[in-house]
Protein backbone atom coordinates (compact mmCIF):
# COMPACT_ATOMS: atom_id res chain seq x y z
CA MET A 1 -39.70 56.60 97.69
CA LYS A 2 -38.70 53.13 96.66
CA ALA A 3 -39.80 51.70 93.29
CA MET A 4 -41.36 48.25 93.46
CA SER A 5 -40.02 45.79 90.95
CA THR A 6 -41.93 42.69 90.07
CA PRO A 7 -39.91 39.56 89.53
CA GLY A 8 -39.95 38.15 86.01
CA LYS A 9 -41.04 41.39 84.37
CA SER A 10 -38.42 43.65 82.93
CA LYS A 11 -38.28 46.08 80.08
CA GLU A 12 -34.78 45.10 79.11
CA LEU A 13 -34.08 43.79 75.66
CA LYS A 14 -32.93 40.21 75.96
CA ILE A 15 -30.68 39.00 73.18
CA ILE A 16 -30.52 35.29 72.57
CA THR A 17 -27.56 34.24 70.49
CA ARG A 18 -27.77 31.27 68.17
CA PRO A 19 -24.95 29.87 66.13
CA ALA A 20 -25.14 30.57 62.41
CA LEU A 21 -26.61 27.65 60.50
CA THR A 22 -25.00 26.29 57.35
CA ILE A 23 -26.02 23.62 54.86
CA ASN A 24 -23.24 21.40 56.24
CA ASP A 25 -25.06 21.43 59.60
CA ILE A 26 -28.17 19.81 58.15
CA VAL A 27 -26.50 17.24 55.90
CA ASN A 28 -26.73 14.67 58.71
CA ASP A 29 -30.12 15.84 60.01
CA SER A 30 -32.54 13.27 58.62
CA ARG A 31 -35.51 15.15 60.11
CA LYS A 32 -34.89 18.21 57.94
CA ILE A 33 -34.14 16.05 54.89
CA ALA A 34 -37.44 14.20 55.44
CA LEU A 35 -39.27 17.53 55.76
CA LEU A 36 -37.79 18.70 52.46
CA HIS A 37 -38.84 15.41 50.87
CA ILE A 38 -42.41 15.85 52.17
CA VAL A 39 -42.68 19.35 50.68
CA LYS A 40 -41.23 18.13 47.38
CA SER A 41 -43.64 15.17 47.27
CA PHE A 42 -46.70 17.30 48.01
CA GLY A 43 -45.81 20.38 46.00
CA GLU A 44 -46.71 23.87 47.23
CA ILE A 45 -48.34 23.65 50.66
CA THR A 46 -49.45 26.07 53.37
CA GLU A 47 -47.77 25.88 56.75
CA LYS A 48 -50.98 24.75 58.48
CA ALA A 49 -51.51 21.95 55.96
CA LEU A 50 -47.86 20.91 56.35
CA TYR A 51 -48.30 20.58 60.12
CA HIS A 52 -51.31 18.31 59.57
CA LEU A 53 -49.51 16.32 56.87
CA VAL A 54 -46.40 15.69 58.99
CA ARG A 55 -48.52 14.69 61.99
CA ASP A 56 -50.57 12.29 59.85
CA VAL A 57 -47.42 10.80 58.30
CA GLN A 58 -46.22 10.05 61.83
CA GLU A 59 -49.51 8.87 63.34
CA GLU A 60 -51.46 7.26 60.51
CA GLU A 61 -48.63 5.99 58.33
CA LYS A 62 -46.42 5.10 61.34
CA ILE A 63 -43.28 6.76 59.93
CA GLU A 64 -41.37 8.31 62.83
CA LEU A 65 -39.94 11.70 61.88
CA GLY A 66 -39.13 12.96 65.39
CA TYR A 67 -41.71 15.74 65.75
CA ASN A 68 -43.83 16.23 68.86
CA PHE A 69 -47.23 17.81 68.26
CA PHE A 70 -49.70 19.48 70.58
CA GLU A 71 -52.99 21.21 70.01
CA ILE A 72 -53.94 24.54 71.53
CA ALA A 73 -57.51 25.73 70.93
CA GLY A 74 -57.78 23.47 67.90
CA ILE A 75 -54.56 24.75 66.32
CA LEU A 76 -51.88 22.14 65.69
CA SER A 77 -48.36 23.14 66.69
CA SER A 78 -44.86 21.69 66.97
CA LYS A 79 -41.81 23.55 68.21
CA GLU A 80 -39.40 21.22 66.38
CA LEU A 81 -41.25 21.52 63.07
CA LYS A 82 -41.34 25.32 63.33
CA GLU A 83 -37.59 25.45 64.02
CA ASP A 84 -36.85 23.13 61.09
CA LEU A 85 -39.00 25.23 58.76
CA ILE A 86 -37.21 28.40 59.84
CA ALA A 87 -33.83 26.72 59.28
CA LEU A 88 -34.78 25.48 55.78
CA LEU A 89 -36.18 28.91 54.86
CA TYR A 90 -33.05 30.62 56.23
CA LEU A 91 -30.78 28.38 54.16
CA GLY A 92 -32.82 28.95 51.02
CA LEU A 93 -33.82 25.30 50.58
CA LEU A 94 -37.48 26.26 51.02
CA GLU A 95 -39.18 29.49 50.06
CA THR A 96 -42.58 31.09 50.47
CA ASN A 97 -44.51 31.85 47.31
CA PRO A 98 -45.35 35.56 47.68
CA ARG A 99 -48.66 35.22 45.82
CA ASN A 100 -50.32 32.56 47.95
CA LYS A 101 -48.04 32.24 51.02
CA LYS A 102 -47.40 28.56 50.31
CA LEU A 103 -44.11 26.84 51.06
CA ARG A 104 -42.24 25.34 48.13
CA ILE A 105 -38.86 23.75 47.54
CA THR A 106 -36.22 25.82 45.73
CA ALA A 107 -33.79 24.68 43.03
CA ASP A 108 -31.07 24.58 45.71
CA GLY A 109 -33.39 22.48 47.85
CA LEU A 110 -33.94 20.02 45.00
CA ASP A 111 -30.16 19.71 44.45
CA PHE A 112 -29.56 19.23 48.18
CA LEU A 113 -32.32 16.61 48.37
CA GLU A 114 -30.95 14.69 45.37
CA GLN A 115 -27.52 14.50 47.00
CA ASN A 116 -28.81 13.54 50.46
CA ILE A 117 -32.00 11.50 49.94
CA GLY A 118 -29.98 8.34 50.59
CA LYS A 119 -29.70 9.34 54.25
CA LEU A 120 -33.42 8.58 54.66
CA GLY A 121 -32.91 4.98 53.54
CA ASP A 122 -36.17 3.04 53.09
CA ASN A 123 -38.15 5.92 54.57
CA ALA A 124 -37.71 7.96 51.36
CA GLU A 125 -40.10 5.72 49.43
CA LYS A 126 -42.40 5.30 52.42
CA ILE A 127 -42.66 9.06 52.88
CA ALA A 128 -43.49 9.66 49.21
CA GLU A 129 -46.19 6.94 49.36
CA ALA A 130 -47.59 8.31 52.62
CA VAL A 131 -47.83 11.83 51.17
CA GLU A 132 -49.72 10.48 48.13
CA ASN A 133 -52.08 8.52 50.39
CA LEU A 134 -52.75 11.55 52.61
CA LYS A 135 -53.13 14.13 49.80
CA PRO A 136 -56.94 13.83 49.63
CA LYS A 137 -57.15 14.52 53.37
CA ILE A 138 -54.73 17.48 53.30
CA ILE A 139 -55.90 19.28 50.15
CA PRO A 140 -59.07 20.70 51.86
CA ILE A 141 -56.96 22.12 54.73
CA ASP A 142 -54.61 23.67 52.18
CA ALA A 143 -57.52 25.11 50.17
CA GLU A 144 -59.10 26.56 53.33
CA GLN A 145 -55.87 28.38 54.18
CA GLU A 146 -55.46 29.60 50.61
CA LEU A 147 -59.00 31.00 50.66
CA THR A 148 -58.33 32.69 54.00
CA PHE A 149 -55.23 34.37 52.54
CA LYS A 150 -57.18 35.55 49.51
CA LEU A 151 -59.97 37.00 51.62
CA MET A 152 -57.60 38.74 54.03
CA ARG A 153 -55.41 40.20 51.30
CA PRO A 154 -56.46 43.68 50.32
CA GLY A 155 -56.69 42.82 46.66
CA ARG A 156 -57.82 44.68 43.65
CA ARG A 157 -61.28 46.07 43.85
CA ARG A 158 -63.36 44.86 40.97
CA ARG A 159 -66.13 46.97 39.64
CA ARG A 160 -69.32 45.35 38.60
CA ARG A 161 -70.42 46.29 35.22
CA GLY A 162 -74.09 46.99 34.81
CA PHE A 163 -75.78 45.76 31.71
């Protein structure tokens, strides 16, 4: 008896190697520096709201950051933005607040941004202005995600007190 094998399907573990990332690797990456600046300008922000904010900074405010966006079933996505977020989280420049799952800049991230904000040139001020202009549009998306996290989290059960 001969076993049939289907092409493209295998049960082997495929290991993809990636070079280790260091802070020196992103010093000249203006896209990651701009992303850090956006998070700093907005404050704590959910990942979904950040995707919308970055897209709106590019499309509505006409500040090119180098991210390509696509929508699948109404969910905004960007491979480049996801990779940059993972890199910044890995390096400790961004962190996730464990209470509300929002992204925030770390002390190391603030130091790094202070030293490298000059690499954005005129865009640094434009980005900060754009974030302020778009805040009213992004806050509801952020609040929706925060509420979703609260509802999904198995929190403390509160007893009602009868009077």
